[in-house]
Amino acid sequence: MIHNVLYFYIIICIAILIFNMAYIIKRRLFYKKPQMVERKR
């Protein structure tokens, strides 16, 4: 039981880190290339 809980929390932490990294990368691309985003829309 303890091992399963530890793996569960580790997976959540990794998922949050990946989500934050993707969000930061999207913000950087959006600020660097706003014209490209407007063309896609």
N, C-alpha and C. Protein backbone atom coordinates (compact mmCIF):
# COMPACT_ATOMS: atom_id res chain seq x y z
N MET A 1 0.84 -1.20 0.00
CA MET A 1 0.00 0.00 0.00
C MET A 1 0.87 1.26 0.00
N ILE A 2 1.90 1.27 0.86
CA ILE A 2 2.74 2.47 0.95
C ILE A 2 3.43 2.73 -0.39
N HIS A 3 3.95 1.68 -1.02
CA HIS A 3 4.64 1.88 -2.30
C HIS A 3 3.69 2.42 -3.35
N ASN A 4 2.46 1.92 -3.38
CA ASN A 4 1.50 2.40 -4.37
C ASN A 4 1.21 3.89 -4.18
N VAL A 5 1.08 4.32 -2.93
CA VAL A 5 0.81 5.74 -2.65
C VAL A 5 2.00 6.59 -3.09
N LEU A 6 3.22 6.13 -2.80
CA LEU A 6 4.41 6.90 -3.18
C LEU A 6 4.48 7.04 -4.70
N TYR A 7 4.25 5.95 -5.43
CA TYR A 7 4.28 6.03 -6.89
C TYR A 7 3.19 6.96 -7.40
N PHE A 8 2.02 6.95 -6.74
CA PHE A 8 0.91 7.81 -7.15
C PHE A 8 1.30 9.28 -7.03
N TYR A 9 1.91 9.64 -5.88
CA TYR A 9 2.32 11.04 -5.69
C TYR A 9 3.44 11.42 -6.65
N ILE A 10 4.37 10.50 -6.90
CA ILE A 10 5.47 10.79 -7.84
C ILE A 10 4.92 11.05 -9.23
N ILE A 11 3.95 10.24 -9.66
CA ILE A 11 3.36 10.43 -11.00
C ILE A 11 2.66 11.79 -11.07
N ILE A 12 1.96 12.18 -9.99
CA ILE A 12 1.26 13.47 -9.99
C ILE A 12 2.29 14.61 -10.10
N CYS A 13 3.37 14.51 -9.33
CA CYS A 13 4.41 15.56 -9.37
C CYS A 13 5.00 15.68 -10.77
N ILE A 14 5.32 14.55 -11.40
CA ILE A 14 5.89 14.57 -12.75
C ILE A 14 4.90 15.18 -13.73
N ALA A 15 3.63 14.82 -13.60
CA ALA A 15 2.60 15.36 -14.51
C ALA A 15 2.50 16.88 -14.35
N ILE A 16 2.55 17.36 -13.10
CA ILE A 16 2.47 18.81 -12.86
C ILE A 16 3.68 19.51 -13.47
N LEU A 17 4.87 18.93 -13.30
CA LEU A 17 6.08 19.54 -13.86
C LEU A 17 5.98 19.60 -15.38
N ILE A 18 5.53 18.53 -16.03
CA ILE A 18 5.41 18.51 -17.49
C ILE A 18 4.39 19.56 -17.94
N PHE A 19 3.27 19.67 -17.21
CA PHE A 19 2.24 20.64 -17.56
C PHE A 19 2.79 22.06 -17.45
N ASN A 20 3.54 22.33 -16.37
CA ASN A 20 4.11 23.67 -16.19
C ASN A 20 5.13 23.98 -17.29
N MET A 21 5.98 23.02 -17.64
CA MET A 21 6.97 23.25 -18.69
C MET A 21 6.28 23.53 -20.02
N ALA A 22 5.25 22.77 -20.35
CA ALA A 22 4.52 22.98 -21.61
C ALA A 22 3.88 24.36 -21.61
N TYR A 23 3.32 24.78 -20.46
CA TYR A 23 2.67 26.09 -20.37
C TYR A 23 3.69 27.21 -20.57
N ILE A 24 4.88 27.07 -19.95
CA ILE A 24 5.92 28.09 -20.10
C ILE A 24 6.39 28.15 -21.55
N ILE A 25 6.60 27.00 -22.18
CA ILE A 25 7.04 26.98 -23.58
C ILE A 25 6.00 27.64 -24.47
N LYS A 26 4.72 27.35 -24.23
CA LYS A 26 3.66 27.96 -25.05
C LYS A 26 3.65 29.47 -24.86
N ARG A 27 3.83 29.94 -23.62
CA ARG A 27 3.85 31.39 -23.37
C ARG A 27 5.03 32.03 -24.09
N ARG A 28 6.20 31.39 -24.04
CA ARG A 28 7.39 31.96 -24.70
C ARG A 28 7.16 32.03 -26.21
N LEU A 29 6.63 30.96 -26.79
CA LEU A 29 6.38 30.97 -28.24
C LEU A 29 5.34 32.02 -28.58
N PHE A 30 4.32 32.18 -27.71
CA PHE A 30 3.26 33.15 -27.98
C PHE A 30 3.82 34.57 -27.95
N TYR A 31 4.70 34.86 -26.97
CA TYR A 31 5.25 36.21 -26.89
C TYR A 31 6.27 36.46 -28.00
N LYS A 32 7.02 35.43 -28.37
CA LYS A 32 8.04 35.61 -29.42
C LYS A 32 7.40 35.72 -30.80
N LYS A 33 6.38 34.90 -31.07
CA LYS A 33 5.78 34.87 -32.41
C LYS A 33 4.25 35.04 -32.32
N PRO A 34 3.77 36.24 -32.01
CA PRO A 34 2.31 36.44 -31.93
C PRO A 34 1.65 36.36 -33.30
N GLN A 35 2.38 36.73 -34.36
CA GLN A 35 1.80 36.71 -35.71
C GLN A 35 1.48 35.27 -36.13
N MET A 36 2.35 34.32 -35.80
CA MET A 36 2.11 32.93 -36.18
C MET A 36 0.84 32.41 -35.50
N VAL A 37 0.64 32.77 -34.24
CA VAL A 37 -0.56 32.30 -33.52
C VAL A 37 -1.80 32.88 -34.17
N GLU A 38 -1.74 34.16 -34.56
CA GLU A 38 -2.91 34.79 -35.19
C GLU A 38 -3.21 34.13 -36.53
N ARG A 39 -2.19 33.77 -37.28
CA ARG A 39 -2.42 33.12 -38.59
C ARG A 39 -3.08 31.76 -38.40
N LYS A 40 -2.63 31.01 -37.39
CA LYS A 40 -3.23 29.68 -37.15
C LYS A 40 -4.70 29.82 -36.80
N ARG A 41 -5.04 30.85 -36.00
CA ARG A 41 -6.44 31.04 -35.63
C ARG A 41 -7.25 31.49 -36.84
